[in-house]
């Protein structure tokens, strides 16, 4: 069972998707995302299996929450640097987003 101290180890921040492309080399349908976390962290890459709920046109400008302190993970031909968060819902993966616009890099607290 996880304890509260485990949760505190996660650095979860708000980023803004600035670029999205098809990820044709992924085993499951996915997009390549470039997410801007502001001055401190900059732009990070990620792979996201969100093709059932989002088109490429939906994504630029969308704010999302992501874990930014996991080690990078090689996914096919990209180095995924952050884990963009979403829920596994009946319609597919739905991104976790702030209810109101916030600053890039804001921490979940």
Protein backbone atom coordinates (compact mmCIF):
# COMPACT_ATOMS: atom_id res chain seq x y z
CA UNK A 1 0.00 0.00 0.00
CA UNK A 2 1.26 3.47 -0.84
CA UNK A 3 1.71 5.99 1.94
CA UNK A 4 1.40 9.78 1.81
CA UNK A 5 5.19 10.17 1.68
CA UNK A 6 5.18 8.24 -1.63
CA UNK A 7 2.77 10.79 -3.11
CA UNK A 8 5.01 13.63 -1.95
CA UNK A 9 7.87 12.22 -4.05
CA UNK A 10 5.94 12.93 -7.26
CA UNK A 11 6.50 16.28 -8.95
CA UNK A 12 3.24 16.89 -10.83
CA UNK A 13 3.06 20.10 -12.83
CA UNK A 14 0.90 21.92 -15.33
CA UNK A 15 2.18 22.15 -18.87
CA UNK A 16 0.78 23.44 -22.13
CA UNK A 17 0.85 21.24 -25.22
CA UNK A 18 2.68 23.22 -27.89
CA UNK A 19 3.02 20.52 -30.54
CA UNK A 20 1.40 17.17 -31.33
CA UNK A 21 2.20 14.66 -34.08
CA UNK A 22 1.09 11.14 -34.99
CA UNK A 23 3.27 8.49 -33.37
CA UNK A 24 3.36 5.91 -36.13
CA UNK A 25 6.07 3.73 -34.56
CA UNK A 26 4.15 3.22 -31.30
CA UNK A 27 2.73 -0.28 -30.70
CA UNK A 28 -0.68 1.15 -29.73
CA UNK A 29 -2.22 4.26 -31.35
CA UNK A 30 -0.59 7.31 -29.78
CA UNK A 31 0.58 10.87 -30.32
CA UNK A 32 3.97 12.47 -29.74
CA UNK A 33 3.50 15.53 -27.54
CA UNK A 34 5.75 18.48 -26.77
CA UNK A 35 4.65 20.07 -23.49
CA UNK A 36 5.88 23.47 -22.23
CA UNK A 37 6.32 23.60 -18.45
CA UNK A 38 7.59 27.19 -18.34
CA UNK A 39 11.01 28.68 -17.69
CA UNK A 40 12.20 26.27 -14.99
CA UNK A 41 11.63 23.01 -16.91
CA UNK A 42 11.12 24.10 -20.51
CA UNK A 43 9.61 21.88 -23.20
CA UNK A 44 9.48 18.12 -22.59
CA UNK A 45 8.45 15.25 -24.91
CA UNK A 46 5.92 12.56 -24.15
CA UNK A 47 4.00 9.77 -25.79
CA UNK A 48 0.27 9.64 -25.08
CA UNK A 49 -2.32 7.03 -26.04
CA UNK A 50 -5.12 9.59 -26.34
CA UNK A 51 -6.15 9.10 -29.97
CA UNK A 52 -9.68 7.88 -29.13
CA UNK A 53 -10.70 11.16 -27.47
CA UNK A 54 -8.52 13.81 -29.11
CA UNK A 55 -7.49 14.85 -32.60
CA UNK A 56 -4.13 16.45 -33.29
CA UNK A 57 -5.96 19.75 -33.82
CA UNK A 58 -7.52 19.56 -30.30
CA UNK A 59 -4.20 19.47 -28.48
CA UNK A 60 -2.06 22.61 -29.05
CA UNK A 61 -2.84 25.14 -26.33
CA UNK A 62 -4.39 22.54 -23.98
CA UNK A 63 -3.10 22.58 -20.41
CA UNK A 64 -2.39 19.16 -18.89
CA UNK A 65 -0.99 17.67 -15.70
CA UNK A 66 2.13 15.52 -15.89
CA UNK A 67 4.62 13.80 -13.62
CA UNK A 68 7.93 15.51 -14.44
CA UNK A 69 10.36 13.64 -12.17
CA UNK A 70 10.18 10.08 -13.49
CA UNK A 71 13.30 8.92 -15.34
CA UNK A 72 13.07 9.29 -19.14
CA UNK A 73 11.72 6.22 -20.93
CA UNK A 74 12.46 5.14 -24.48
CA UNK A 75 9.21 4.62 -26.41
CA UNK A 76 9.94 3.44 -29.96
CA UNK A 77 11.93 6.30 -31.50
CA UNK A 78 11.40 9.01 -28.87
CA UNK A 79 12.63 9.59 -25.35
CA UNK A 80 9.50 10.20 -23.27
CA UNK A 81 10.54 12.71 -20.59
CA UNK A 82 7.26 13.18 -18.69
CA UNK A 83 4.12 11.16 -17.95
CA UNK A 84 1.04 13.07 -19.05
CA UNK A 85 -1.85 12.12 -16.77
CA UNK A 86 -5.26 10.88 -17.85
CA UNK A 87 -8.08 8.62 -16.79
CA UNK A 88 -8.84 5.27 -18.41
CA UNK A 89 -12.49 5.93 -19.23
CA UNK A 90 -15.08 4.08 -21.33
CA UNK A 91 -14.47 6.41 -24.29
CA UNK A 92 -10.66 6.15 -24.03
CA UNK A 93 -7.96 8.05 -22.15
CA UNK A 94 -9.19 11.48 -21.00
CA UNK A 95 -6.52 14.03 -20.09
CA UNK A 96 -6.39 15.56 -16.60
CA UNK A 97 -6.56 19.33 -17.03
CA UNK A 98 -6.88 22.34 -14.69
CA UNK A 99 -10.40 23.69 -14.34
CA UNK A 100 -9.13 27.25 -14.94
CA UNK A 101 -6.09 28.52 -16.88
CA UNK A 102 -2.97 28.56 -14.70
CA UNK A 103 0.73 29.32 -15.09
CA UNK A 104 2.92 26.79 -16.90
CA UNK A 105 4.96 24.90 -14.33
CA UNK A 106 2.46 25.28 -11.48
CA UNK A 107 2.72 22.35 -9.06
CA UNK A 108 -0.09 20.07 -7.99
CA UNK A 109 -0.52 20.64 -4.30
